[in-house]
N, C-alpha and C. Protein backbone atom coordinates (compact mmCIF):
# COMPACT_ATOMS: atom_id res chain seq x y z
N MET A 1 -41.30 43.28 -7.01
CA MET A 1 -40.95 41.97 -6.88
C MET A 1 -39.51 41.67 -6.65
N LYS A 2 -40.22 40.11 -5.48
CA LYS A 2 -38.75 40.11 -5.34
C LYS A 2 -38.12 38.35 -5.85
N THR A 3 -36.57 38.35 -5.44
CA THR A 3 -36.12 37.39 -6.58
C THR A 3 -36.07 36.66 -5.24
N TYR A 4 -35.91 35.11 -6.37
CA TYR A 4 -36.36 33.87 -5.11
C TYR A 4 -34.88 33.23 -4.93
N PHE A 5 -34.12 32.87 -4.11
CA PHE A 5 -33.38 32.22 -3.85
C PHE A 5 -33.28 30.95 -3.44
N ALA A 6 -32.78 29.93 -3.82
CA ALA A 6 -33.23 28.50 -2.75
C ALA A 6 -32.17 28.50 -1.68
N LYS A 7 -32.95 28.31 -0.21
CA LYS A 7 -32.75 27.96 1.23
C LYS A 7 -31.71 26.91 0.89
N ASP A 8 -32.52 25.57 0.58
CA ASP A 8 -31.77 25.01 1.20
C ASP A 8 -31.64 24.07 -0.39
N PRO A 9 -30.33 23.95 -1.54
CA PRO A 9 -30.59 22.96 -2.06
C PRO A 9 -30.67 21.96 -1.98
N SER A 10 -30.99 20.79 -2.64
CA SER A 10 -31.70 19.33 -2.14
C SER A 10 -30.25 19.13 -3.95
N ASN A 11 -29.54 18.35 -2.95
CA ASN A 11 -28.06 17.68 -4.11
C ASN A 11 -28.73 15.82 -3.98
N ASP A 12 -28.92 15.51 -5.39
CA ASP A 12 -28.46 14.26 -5.72
C ASP A 12 -27.55 14.04 -6.16
N TRP A 13 -27.69 12.25 -6.48
CA TRP A 13 -26.35 12.00 -6.81
C TRP A 13 -26.57 11.20 -8.31
N VAL A 14 -25.79 11.26 -9.34
CA VAL A 14 -25.58 10.59 -10.10
C VAL A 14 -24.33 9.74 -10.95
N ILE A 15 -24.28 9.11 -11.51
CA ILE A 15 -23.00 7.72 -12.31
C ILE A 15 -23.17 8.72 -13.67
N VAL A 16 -22.00 8.33 -14.01
CA VAL A 16 -22.28 9.03 -15.40
C VAL A 16 -21.34 7.74 -16.20
N ASP A 17 -20.92 7.06 -17.60
CA ASP A 17 -19.93 6.48 -17.54
C ASP A 17 -19.34 6.56 -18.66
N ALA A 18 -18.21 6.61 -18.13
CA ALA A 18 -17.26 7.38 -19.73
C ALA A 18 -16.88 6.58 -20.45
N GLU A 19 -17.31 5.09 -20.61
CA GLU A 19 -16.60 4.42 -21.55
C GLU A 19 -16.72 4.98 -23.24
N GLY A 20 -15.72 5.15 -24.07
CA GLY A 20 -16.31 5.22 -25.06
C GLY A 20 -16.51 7.09 -25.45
N GLN A 21 -16.52 7.55 -24.43
CA GLN A 21 -16.64 8.91 -24.62
C GLN A 21 -15.83 9.89 -24.94
N THR A 22 -15.57 10.87 -25.51
CA THR A 22 -14.99 11.88 -25.38
C THR A 22 -14.30 12.87 -24.60
N VAL A 23 -13.21 12.80 -24.20
CA VAL A 23 -13.30 13.60 -22.76
C VAL A 23 -13.77 14.99 -22.73
N GLY A 24 -13.29 15.96 -23.27
CA GLY A 24 -13.84 17.65 -23.47
C GLY A 24 -15.41 16.99 -23.62
N ARG A 25 -16.20 16.63 -24.23
CA ARG A 25 -17.76 16.52 -24.19
C ARG A 25 -18.04 16.27 -23.12
N LEU A 26 -17.21 15.27 -22.54
CA LEU A 26 -17.90 14.32 -21.62
C LEU A 26 -17.67 15.52 -20.22
N ALA A 27 -16.47 15.93 -19.72
CA ALA A 27 -16.46 16.63 -18.94
C ALA A 27 -17.37 18.52 -18.83
N THR A 28 -17.37 18.84 -20.09
CA THR A 28 -18.60 20.49 -20.34
C THR A 28 -19.70 19.46 -19.56
N GLN A 29 -20.61 18.59 -19.73
CA GLN A 29 -21.80 18.20 -19.27
C GLN A 29 -21.43 17.60 -17.64
N ILE A 30 -20.28 16.97 -17.04
CA ILE A 30 -20.25 16.86 -16.07
C ILE A 30 -20.12 18.30 -15.02
N ALA A 31 -19.48 18.86 -15.70
CA ALA A 31 -19.71 20.79 -15.11
C ALA A 31 -20.83 20.84 -15.09
N HIS A 32 -21.42 21.02 -15.50
CA HIS A 32 -23.09 21.49 -16.18
C HIS A 32 -23.55 20.66 -15.27
N VAL A 33 -23.41 20.15 -14.26
CA VAL A 33 -24.45 18.83 -13.51
C VAL A 33 -23.81 19.77 -12.11
N LEU A 34 -22.27 19.21 -11.77
CA LEU A 34 -22.33 19.86 -10.87
C LEU A 34 -22.40 21.16 -10.35
N ARG A 35 -22.25 22.35 -11.37
CA ARG A 35 -22.62 23.59 -11.10
C ARG A 35 -23.94 23.85 -11.17
N GLY A 36 -25.38 22.79 -11.09
CA GLY A 36 -26.33 22.80 -11.27
C GLY A 36 -27.20 23.57 -12.01
N LYS A 37 -26.86 24.05 -12.96
CA LYS A 37 -27.19 24.73 -14.19
C LYS A 37 -28.61 24.31 -14.83
N HIS A 38 -28.90 22.56 -14.50
CA HIS A 38 -29.46 22.01 -15.00
C HIS A 38 -31.01 22.40 -14.39
N LYS A 39 -30.73 22.76 -13.29
CA LYS A 39 -32.22 22.91 -12.21
C LYS A 39 -32.39 24.06 -12.39
N PRO A 40 -34.04 24.23 -12.08
CA PRO A 40 -34.71 25.25 -11.98
C PRO A 40 -34.03 26.75 -10.85
N THR A 41 -33.45 25.83 -9.72
CA THR A 41 -33.51 26.62 -8.97
C THR A 41 -31.87 27.29 -8.60
N PHE A 42 -31.58 27.20 -10.34
CA PHE A 42 -29.89 27.05 -10.12
C PHE A 42 -30.00 28.89 -9.94
N SER A 43 -28.24 28.87 -9.34
CA SER A 43 -27.93 30.27 -9.00
C SER A 43 -26.46 30.28 -8.53
N PRO A 44 -26.21 31.29 -9.51
CA PRO A 44 -24.67 31.22 -9.42
C PRO A 44 -23.77 31.39 -8.41
N HIS A 45 -24.25 31.90 -7.46
CA HIS A 45 -23.31 31.94 -5.89
C HIS A 45 -23.47 30.93 -4.72
N GLN A 46 -24.51 29.80 -5.96
CA GLN A 46 -24.58 28.48 -5.02
C GLN A 46 -23.82 27.33 -5.23
N ALA A 47 -23.36 26.54 -4.42
CA ALA A 47 -23.22 25.14 -4.99
C ALA A 47 -24.49 23.97 -4.81
N GLY A 48 -25.28 24.25 -5.82
CA GLY A 48 -26.54 23.56 -5.37
C GLY A 48 -26.83 22.36 -6.69
N GLY A 49 -25.29 22.00 -7.05
CA GLY A 49 -25.87 20.62 -8.05
C GLY A 49 -25.77 19.65 -7.50
N ASP A 50 -25.53 18.67 -8.09
CA ASP A 50 -25.68 17.11 -7.86
C ASP A 50 -24.39 16.60 -7.81
N PHE A 51 -23.95 15.67 -6.92
CA PHE A 51 -22.41 15.56 -6.81
C PHE A 51 -22.41 13.85 -8.15
N VAL A 52 -21.39 13.82 -9.07
CA VAL A 52 -21.25 12.86 -9.69
C VAL A 52 -19.88 12.08 -9.44
N ILE A 53 -20.36 10.78 -9.88
CA ILE A 53 -19.39 9.70 -9.89
C ILE A 53 -19.71 9.25 -11.39
N VAL A 54 -18.08 9.50 -11.21
CA VAL A 54 -17.31 9.11 -12.88
C VAL A 54 -17.24 7.28 -12.93
N ILE A 55 -17.61 6.37 -14.05
CA ILE A 55 -16.83 5.28 -13.90
C ILE A 55 -16.64 4.97 -15.25
N ASN A 56 -15.32 4.35 -15.21
CA ASN A 56 -14.51 3.31 -16.51
C ASN A 56 -13.93 4.85 -17.07
N ALA A 57 -13.01 5.72 -16.25
CA ALA A 57 -12.23 7.15 -16.69
C ALA A 57 -11.08 6.27 -17.72
N GLY A 58 -11.05 5.37 -17.50
CA GLY A 58 -10.03 4.46 -17.87
C GLY A 58 -10.31 4.30 -19.73
N LYS A 59 -11.16 4.28 -20.23
CA LYS A 59 -11.95 4.40 -21.19
C LYS A 59 -12.05 4.99 -21.93
N VAL A 60 -11.79 6.69 -21.66
CA VAL A 60 -12.04 7.59 -22.50
C VAL A 60 -11.19 7.46 -23.32
N SER A 61 -11.91 8.54 -24.17
CA SER A 61 -10.61 8.91 -25.76
C SER A 61 -10.92 10.26 -26.22
N PHE A 62 -9.58 10.43 -26.90
CA PHE A 62 -9.33 12.06 -26.94
C PHE A 62 -9.79 12.31 -28.64
N SER A 63 -10.00 13.43 -28.77
CA SER A 63 -10.50 13.20 -30.63
C SER A 63 -8.87 13.93 -31.09
N GLY A 64 -8.95 13.83 -32.50
CA GLY A 64 -7.75 14.32 -33.28
C GLY A 64 -6.62 13.40 -32.42
N SER A 65 -5.83 14.29 -32.87
CA SER A 65 -4.56 13.58 -32.83
C SER A 65 -3.51 13.82 -31.02
N LYS A 66 -4.82 14.00 -30.11
CA LYS A 66 -4.47 14.88 -29.25
C LYS A 66 -3.86 13.67 -27.95
N LEU A 67 -4.35 12.55 -28.34
CA LEU A 67 -3.46 11.58 -27.19
C LEU A 67 -1.96 11.17 -27.43
N ASP A 68 -1.17 11.68 -28.92
CA ASP A 68 -0.63 11.72 -28.99
C ASP A 68 0.34 13.65 -28.55
N GLN A 69 -0.56 14.31 -28.56
CA GLN A 69 0.36 15.51 -28.69
C GLN A 69 0.16 16.59 -27.41
N LYS A 70 -1.23 15.97 -26.76
CA LYS A 70 -1.31 16.89 -25.85
C LYS A 70 -0.93 16.48 -24.50
N VAL A 71 -0.07 17.57 -23.89
CA VAL A 71 0.77 16.97 -22.54
C VAL A 71 0.89 17.79 -21.39
N TYR A 72 0.35 17.49 -19.95
CA TYR A 72 0.01 17.85 -19.01
C TYR A 72 1.30 18.58 -18.40
N THR A 73 1.42 19.90 -17.59
CA THR A 73 2.09 20.05 -17.10
C THR A 73 2.33 19.85 -15.48
N ARG A 74 2.43 20.53 -14.63
CA ARG A 74 2.59 21.04 -13.23
C ARG A 74 3.91 20.85 -12.98
N TYR A 75 4.10 21.96 -12.27
CA TYR A 75 5.19 23.13 -11.49
C TYR A 75 5.89 22.49 -9.72
N SER A 76 6.36 22.01 -9.55
CA SER A 76 6.38 21.83 -8.22
C SER A 76 6.89 23.00 -7.36
N GLY A 77 7.54 24.20 -7.60
CA GLY A 77 7.43 25.75 -7.43
C GLY A 77 8.95 26.26 -7.01
N TYR A 78 10.05 24.89 -7.18
CA TYR A 78 10.81 24.74 -7.24
C TYR A 78 11.88 25.32 -8.63
N GLN A 79 13.68 25.88 -9.00
CA GLN A 79 13.41 25.47 -10.30
C GLN A 79 13.49 23.86 -10.66
N GLY A 80 13.14 24.33 -12.49
CA GLY A 80 13.90 23.08 -12.93
C GLY A 80 12.26 22.10 -12.36
N GLY A 81 11.59 22.27 -11.55
CA GLY A 81 10.45 21.74 -11.22
C GLY A 81 9.65 21.19 -12.09
N LEU A 82 9.72 21.60 -13.05
CA LEU A 82 8.65 21.76 -14.58
C LEU A 82 8.47 20.15 -14.73
N LYS A 83 7.36 19.16 -14.81
CA LYS A 83 6.94 17.84 -14.69
C LYS A 83 6.00 17.79 -16.06
N GLU A 84 6.37 17.42 -17.15
CA GLU A 84 5.47 17.29 -18.39
C GLU A 84 4.83 16.11 -18.50
N ILE A 85 4.10 15.44 -18.87
CA ILE A 85 3.51 14.08 -18.95
C ILE A 85 2.43 13.61 -20.66
N PRO A 86 2.98 13.44 -21.09
CA PRO A 86 2.11 13.27 -22.35
C PRO A 86 0.54 12.28 -21.87
N ALA A 87 -0.74 12.81 -22.49
CA ALA A 87 -2.15 12.16 -22.46
C ALA A 87 -1.93 11.05 -21.94
N ARG A 88 -1.20 10.30 -23.70
CA ARG A 88 -1.33 9.00 -23.23
C ARG A 88 -0.81 8.25 -22.37
N ALA A 89 0.54 8.46 -21.40
CA ALA A 89 0.90 8.12 -19.81
C ALA A 89 0.06 8.30 -19.11
N MET A 90 -0.76 9.73 -18.82
CA MET A 90 -1.47 10.35 -18.06
C MET A 90 -2.88 9.36 -17.88
N LEU A 91 -3.10 8.82 -19.26
CA LEU A 91 -4.20 7.81 -19.21
C LEU A 91 -4.07 6.43 -19.24
N GLU A 92 -2.51 6.05 -18.88
CA GLU A 92 -2.67 4.52 -18.44
C GLU A 92 -2.44 4.49 -16.98
N LYS A 93 -1.51 5.71 -16.62
CA LYS A 93 -0.84 5.43 -15.30
C LYS A 93 -1.78 6.04 -14.12
N HIS A 94 -3.21 7.32 -14.52
CA HIS A 94 -4.00 8.13 -13.74
C HIS A 94 -5.04 8.37 -14.92
N PRO A 95 -5.93 7.54 -14.97
CA PRO A 95 -7.42 7.84 -16.13
C PRO A 95 -7.45 8.80 -15.49
N GLU A 96 -8.10 8.80 -13.80
CA GLU A 96 -8.93 9.92 -12.74
C GLU A 96 -8.26 11.22 -12.88
N ARG A 97 -7.29 11.50 -12.81
CA ARG A 97 -6.49 12.77 -13.59
C ARG A 97 -6.91 13.74 -15.05
N VAL A 98 -7.09 13.03 -15.73
CA VAL A 98 -7.52 13.39 -16.84
C VAL A 98 -9.17 13.80 -16.77
N ILE A 99 -9.66 13.49 -16.26
CA ILE A 99 -11.36 13.51 -15.99
C ILE A 99 -11.43 14.74 -15.05
N GLU A 100 -10.38 14.52 -14.13
CA GLU A 100 -10.41 15.77 -12.58
C GLU A 100 -9.68 16.94 -13.28
N ARG A 101 -8.85 17.09 -14.05
CA ARG A 101 -8.73 18.18 -14.62
C ARG A 101 -9.30 18.85 -15.44
N ALA A 102 -10.03 17.95 -16.86
CA ALA A 102 -11.20 18.81 -18.04
C ALA A 102 -11.74 19.37 -16.70
N VAL A 103 -12.79 18.75 -15.57
CA VAL A 103 -13.45 19.60 -15.15
C VAL A 103 -13.11 20.74 -14.34
N TRP A 104 -12.21 20.40 -14.09
CA TRP A 104 -11.98 21.54 -12.91
C TRP A 104 -11.24 22.88 -14.42
N GLY A 105 -11.16 22.81 -15.49
CA GLY A 105 -11.06 23.63 -15.82
C GLY A 105 -12.16 24.66 -16.52
N MET A 106 -13.21 23.48 -16.38
CA MET A 106 -14.77 24.67 -16.24
C MET A 106 -15.94 24.54 -15.52
N LEU A 107 -14.80 24.79 -14.58
CA LEU A 107 -15.37 25.06 -12.99
C LEU A 107 -14.75 26.50 -12.49
N PRO A 108 -15.28 27.56 -12.03
CA PRO A 108 -15.20 29.04 -11.45
C PRO A 108 -14.04 28.37 -10.74
N LYS A 109 -12.56 29.39 -10.79
CA LYS A 109 -11.32 29.79 -10.02
C LYS A 109 -11.90 30.08 -8.87
N ASN A 110 -12.51 29.62 -7.57
CA ASN A 110 -12.13 30.41 -6.43
C ASN A 110 -12.94 29.62 -5.59
N ARG A 111 -13.69 29.71 -4.13
CA ARG A 111 -14.07 29.23 -3.56
C ARG A 111 -15.17 27.96 -3.18
N LEU A 112 -15.97 28.88 -4.63
CA LEU A 112 -16.94 27.97 -5.15
C LEU A 112 -16.67 26.73 -5.80
N GLY A 113 -15.79 26.95 -6.73
CA GLY A 113 -15.32 25.76 -7.61
C GLY A 113 -14.40 24.87 -7.09
N ARG A 114 -13.87 25.16 -5.70
CA ARG A 114 -12.82 23.75 -5.33
C ARG A 114 -14.04 22.84 -4.64
N LYS A 115 -15.38 23.85 -3.92
CA LYS A 115 -15.91 23.11 -3.13
C LYS A 115 -16.86 22.61 -4.08
N LEU A 116 -17.18 22.44 -5.02
CA LEU A 116 -17.57 21.73 -6.61
C LEU A 116 -17.39 20.59 -6.94
N ILE A 117 -15.26 21.22 -7.11
CA ILE A 117 -14.80 19.93 -7.52
C ILE A 117 -14.47 18.73 -6.62
N ARG A 118 -14.86 18.83 -5.29
CA ARG A 118 -14.94 18.11 -3.80
C ARG A 118 -16.17 17.02 -4.78
N ARG A 119 -17.25 16.82 -4.98
CA ARG A 119 -18.73 16.75 -4.98
C ARG A 119 -18.74 15.69 -6.48
N LEU A 120 -16.76 15.77 -7.24
CA LEU A 120 -17.04 14.83 -8.07
C LEU A 120 -16.26 13.83 -8.12
N LYS A 121 -16.25 12.90 -7.91
CA LYS A 121 -16.03 11.24 -7.97
C LYS A 121 -16.26 10.52 -8.95
N VAL A 122 -14.29 10.66 -9.44
CA VAL A 122 -13.67 9.31 -10.64
C VAL A 122 -13.29 8.38 -10.17
N TYR A 123 -13.49 7.36 -10.91
CA TYR A 123 -12.81 5.99 -10.72
C TYR A 123 -12.25 5.22 -12.12
N ALA A 124 -11.50 4.42 -12.24
CA ALA A 124 -10.56 4.16 -13.56
C ALA A 124 -11.78 2.88 -13.69
N GLY A 125 -12.40 2.11 -13.38
CA GLY A 125 -12.83 1.08 -13.48
C GLY A 125 -14.22 1.64 -12.95
N GLU A 126 -14.45 -0.14 -13.23
CA GLU A 126 -16.37 -0.28 -12.93
C GLU A 126 -16.55 0.02 -11.61
N ALA A 127 -15.77 -0.27 -10.63
CA ALA A 127 -16.58 -0.12 -9.21
C ALA A 127 -16.34 0.90 -8.10
N HIS A 128 -17.56 1.32 -7.30
CA HIS A 128 -17.45 2.62 -6.77
C HIS A 128 -17.75 2.27 -4.86
N PRO A 129 -17.48 2.79 -3.99
CA PRO A 129 -17.76 2.33 -3.13
C PRO A 129 -19.16 3.42 -2.86
N HIS A 130 -20.44 4.06 -3.57
CA HIS A 130 -21.31 4.79 -3.77
C HIS A 130 -22.72 4.70 -3.51
N GLU A 131 -22.89 3.00 -4.02
CA GLU A 131 -24.35 2.25 -3.77
C GLU A 131 -24.85 2.85 -2.78
N ALA A 132 -24.53 3.65 -1.81
CA ALA A 132 -25.60 3.55 -0.78
C ALA A 132 -26.52 4.24 -0.50
N GLN A 133 -25.48 5.70 -1.94
CA GLN A 133 -26.25 6.64 -1.70
C GLN A 133 -27.23 6.92 -3.45
N GLN A 134 -27.51 5.84 -4.06
CA GLN A 134 -28.28 5.46 -4.84
C GLN A 134 -28.64 6.28 -6.24
N PRO A 135 -27.12 6.67 -7.14
CA PRO A 135 -26.79 7.04 -7.66
C PRO A 135 -28.32 7.12 -8.69
N ARG A 136 -28.58 8.11 -9.83
CA ARG A 136 -29.25 7.62 -11.09
C ARG A 136 -28.55 7.81 -12.28
N VAL A 137 -28.85 7.19 -13.36
CA VAL A 137 -27.71 7.06 -13.99
C VAL A 137 -28.17 8.38 -15.15
N LEU A 138 -26.89 9.14 -15.88
CA LEU A 138 -27.08 10.18 -16.41
C LEU A 138 -26.23 9.55 -17.74
N GLU A 139 -27.30 9.98 -18.58
CA GLU A 139 -27.02 9.77 -19.71
C GLU A 139 -26.22 10.72 -20.65
N VAL A 140 -25.12 10.77 -21.56
CA VAL A 140 -24.12 11.66 -21.91
C VAL A 140 -23.92 11.16 -23.08
N GLY A 141 -23.79 12.05 -24.32
CA GLY A 141 -23.45 12.31 -25.43
C GLY A 141 -24.58 11.46 -26.68
């Protein structure tokens, strides 16, 4: 018996409307599609998933009191270079980063994960420049 490996995985484009969705639940479904786990040709060492376009990232919601209590941190590498941004401020200034960070936390932390995260396109509003790819609508929630 031989093991089957997909030679040329097909990559489709899907579009997700994030309006009114909870960040964590939305991110799990996006990571699932990016990884390709919804396809019968899934292989854990290949990037066989689809490209994902997320619109209305500024209209996502957090469950509970995470909007006030959750803090995003980043470090510059210098002494005293720790930056902390509350979730409310991050959602107002850079709503795309909220989705990107949530999805990145659910992908593998290796060269495959870095390749997969480049297939995620997040936009704060309705408009996106990917109409030529003819994305199909992905129902979430």
